[in-house]
Protein backbone atom coordinates (compact mmCIF):
# COMPACT_ATOMS: atom_id res chain seq x y z
CA MET A 1 2.32 9.09 -46.01
CA ARG A 2 -0.37 10.62 -44.39
CA ARG A 3 -0.13 8.30 -41.47
CA SER A 4 3.40 8.09 -41.44
CA LEU A 5 3.66 11.76 -40.57
CA ILE A 6 0.82 11.66 -37.97
CA LEU A 7 2.76 8.87 -36.58
CA LEU A 8 6.01 11.00 -36.29
CA GLY A 9 3.93 13.55 -34.73
CA ILE A 10 2.76 11.42 -31.68
CA VAL A 11 6.17 10.20 -31.33
CA VAL A 12 7.62 13.74 -31.34
CA ALA A 13 4.69 15.18 -29.20
CA THR A 14 5.51 12.54 -27.01
CA ALA A 15 8.95 13.33 -26.51
CA ALA A 16 8.18 16.69 -26.17
CA VAL A 17 5.50 16.28 -22.84
CA SER A 18 8.03 13.46 -21.55
CA ALA A 19 11.08 15.78 -21.61
CA GLY A 20 8.75 18.65 -20.39
CA ILE A 21 7.30 16.75 -17.62
CA GLY A 22 10.84 16.03 -16.55
CA SER A 23 12.12 19.33 -16.41
CA ALA A 24 9.24 20.58 -14.27
CA LEU A 25 9.70 17.74 -12.09
CA ALA A 26 13.29 18.32 -11.88
CA ALA A 27 12.44 22.01 -10.95
CA ALA A 28 9.91 21.16 -8.24
CA ASP A 29 12.69 19.30 -6.29
CA GLY A 30 14.61 22.38 -6.59
CA ARG A 31 17.50 21.20 -8.85
CA SER A 32 18.29 22.31 -12.36
CA LEU A 33 17.34 18.87 -15.31
CA SER A 34 21.11 17.84 -16.87
CA ALA A 35 21.35 17.15 -20.30
CA LYS A 36 21.76 13.37 -19.31
CA ASP A 37 18.29 13.52 -17.79
CA ALA A 38 16.91 15.87 -20.56
CA ALA A 39 18.04 13.07 -23.30
CA LEU A 40 17.08 10.30 -20.93
CA GLY A 41 13.47 11.81 -21.03
CA ALA A 42 13.10 12.36 -24.65
CA GLY A 43 14.23 9.29 -25.20
CA VAL A 44 11.46 7.81 -22.91
CA GLY A 45 9.20 9.86 -25.02
CA ILE A 46 10.48 8.33 -28.06
CA THR A 47 9.78 4.87 -27.10
CA VAL A 48 6.46 5.70 -25.93
CA GLY A 49 6.22 7.21 -28.95
CA LEU A 50 6.70 4.00 -31.21
CA VAL A 51 5.22 1.81 -28.41
CA LEU A 52 1.82 3.80 -29.40
CA ALA A 53 2.89 3.61 -32.88
CA CYS A 54 3.00 -0.32 -32.54
CA LEU A 55 -0.19 -0.24 -30.79
CA ALA A 56 -2.05 1.61 -33.50
CA GLY A 57 -0.95 -0.79 -35.50
CA LEU A 58 -1.97 -3.72 -33.88
CA VAL A 59 -5.28 -2.37 -33.39
CA VAL A 60 -5.57 -1.97 -37.38
CA ALA A 61 -4.70 -5.11 -37.55
CA VAL A 62 -7.60 -6.71 -35.26
CA ALA A 63 -10.10 -3.98 -36.49
CA ARG A 64 -9.09 -5.57 -40.49
CA ALA A 65 -9.16 -8.92 -39.38
CA ARG A 66 -12.43 -8.95 -37.98
CA GLY A 67 -14.09 -6.81 -40.79
CA ILE A 68 -14.55 -3.14 -39.22
CA LYS A 69 -13.61 -0.89 -41.78
CA LEU A 70 -11.88 2.26 -40.23
CA ALA A 71 -11.85 4.65 -43.28
CA SER A 72 -15.00 6.41 -42.71
CA PRO A 73 -17.20 6.47 -45.97
CA ILE A 74 -17.51 10.33 -45.14
CA ASN A 75 -14.37 10.84 -45.85
CA ASP A 76 -14.90 10.78 -49.77
CA LEU A 77 -17.99 13.30 -49.61
CA ASN A 78 -17.76 16.99 -50.68
CA ARG A 79 -17.59 19.47 -47.81
CA GLU A 80 -21.63 20.45 -47.57
CA ASP A 81 -22.71 16.72 -47.75
CA ARG A 82 -19.96 15.70 -44.99
CA LEU A 83 -20.88 18.29 -42.60
CA ALA A 84 -24.86 17.70 -43.80
CA VAL A 85 -24.01 13.81 -42.25
CA ILE A 86 -21.91 14.59 -39.51
CA ASP A 87 -24.89 17.04 -38.33
CA ALA A 88 -27.24 14.16 -38.58
CA LEU A 89 -24.99 11.75 -36.92
CA ARG A 90 -25.15 14.30 -34.43
CA ARG A 91 -28.24 16.26 -33.20
CA PRO A 92 -29.48 12.91 -34.96
CA LEU A 93 -31.64 13.75 -37.76
CA LYS A 94 -33.30 12.24 -41.32
CA LEU A 95 -31.97 13.31 -43.99
CA ASP A 96 -34.21 14.20 -47.39
CA ASP A 97 -31.39 12.89 -50.16
CA PRO A 98 -31.62 9.17 -50.22
CA TRP A 99 -27.80 8.56 -51.20
CA LEU A 100 -26.67 10.49 -48.04
CA ARG A 101 -29.07 9.01 -45.89
CA SER A 102 -27.65 5.53 -46.81
CA VAL A 103 -24.01 7.23 -46.49
CA ALA A 104 -24.66 8.42 -43.08
CA ASP A 105 -26.26 4.76 -41.88
CA ASN A 106 -22.95 3.14 -43.36
CA GLU A 107 -20.94 5.53 -41.20
CA ALA A 108 -23.25 5.07 -37.94
CA ASN A 109 -22.80 1.61 -38.26
CA ARG A 110 -19.28 1.73 -38.83
CA GLN A 111 -18.87 3.72 -35.96
CA VAL A 112 -20.94 1.80 -33.47
CA LYS A 113 -18.96 -1.49 -34.59
CA VAL A 114 -15.21 0.65 -33.84
CA LEU A 115 -16.48 2.48 -30.52
CA ARG A 116 -17.24 -0.80 -29.31
CA PHE A 117 -14.12 -2.38 -30.58
CA VAL A 118 -12.52 0.68 -28.37
CA LEU A 119 -14.55 1.32 -25.63
CA SER A 120 -13.68 -2.50 -24.87
CA SER A 121 -10.00 -2.44 -24.90
CA LEU A 122 -9.46 1.02 -23.37
CA PRO A 123 -10.55 0.26 -19.75
CA ILE A 124 -8.15 -2.56 -19.87
CA ALA A 125 -5.06 -0.01 -20.59
CA ALA A 126 -6.81 2.42 -17.87
CA VAL A 127 -6.62 -0.02 -15.47
CA GLY A 128 -2.52 -0.59 -15.41
CA ALA A 129 -2.57 3.71 -15.76
CA VAL A 130 -4.40 3.63 -12.27
CA TRP A 131 -2.32 1.13 -10.51
CA GLN A 132 0.87 3.04 -12.02
CA ALA A 133 -0.56 6.28 -10.22
CA ALA A 134 -1.22 4.43 -6.70
CA MET A 135 1.82 2.27 -6.85
CA GLY A 136 4.63 4.15 -8.19
CA ASP A 137 7.79 4.48 -7.03
CA SER A 138 8.21 7.66 -7.52
CA THR A 139 6.40 11.36 -8.37
CA MET A 140 7.39 11.56 -11.75
CA ILE A 141 5.85 7.46 -11.78
CA ARG A 142 2.37 8.73 -10.08
CA VAL A 143 2.09 12.05 -12.02
CA VAL A 144 2.42 10.33 -15.50
CA GLY A 145 0.36 7.33 -14.23
CA VAL A 146 -2.31 10.58 -13.08
CA PHE A 147 -1.55 12.24 -16.47
CA GLN A 148 -2.73 8.73 -18.29
CA VAL A 149 -5.46 8.17 -15.93
CA LEU A 150 -6.88 11.60 -17.32
CA SER A 151 -6.05 10.64 -20.37
CA PHE A 152 -8.04 7.47 -20.34
CA THR A 153 -11.16 8.92 -18.89
CA LEU A 154 -11.45 11.70 -21.34
CA LEU A 155 -11.21 9.27 -24.46
CA ILE A 156 -13.35 6.47 -23.18
CA THR A 157 -16.09 9.71 -22.35
CA MET A 158 -15.53 11.04 -25.89
CA PHE A 159 -15.87 8.35 -27.23
CA TRP A 160 -18.63 6.75 -25.18
CA VAL A 161 -20.77 10.21 -26.41
CA GLN A 162 -19.92 9.48 -29.93
CA TRP A 163 -21.07 5.75 -29.69
CA ARG A 164 -24.40 6.66 -28.06
CA ARG A 165 -24.56 9.43 -30.82
CA ALA A 166 -24.24 7.10 -33.49
CA ARG A 167 -26.82 4.08 -31.64
CA ARG A 168 -29.21 6.98 -31.55
CA TYR A 169 -28.52 7.54 -35.01
CA LEU A 170 -29.68 4.39 -35.72
CA ALA A 171 -32.69 3.86 -33.72
CA ILE A 172 -34.51 6.42 -35.62
CA SER A 173 -33.33 5.48 -38.72
CA ASP A 174 -34.69 2.22 -38.84
């Protein structure tokens, strides 16, 4: 149920962002946004949201087929232990408690596998966004392409930092 709500939120947020970008571009051109244009923007946003939801499902299916666990083992810990494990992975620190150390080791191994998979996939999608930003026919297509390039850059940077932290933790835990 929680995943469905998250995917629904993605679809609604994408529709809202698309409608907002459309109205901003229409205002920049000095014209008002008609109901037809707003409906078209919301429709495109919903379609993009559904495509993203399908891609998320595909990523989950491929990860499961490769034996990568997407669910984090630290989700089952109490708040204090979860924060200790997260802190150990960020800094990296050795944990005193052997059980928490094994949980942190499992989490670091999981992160390395998942993020290697994600980091090998995101640049492929980013190339399409760069192409869209450079070769778009209209201002709106180019603006959306630039927004996508910035988003992919931010995601790749965040995931790369997290991947390096997990690898650093594994290096000190051996």
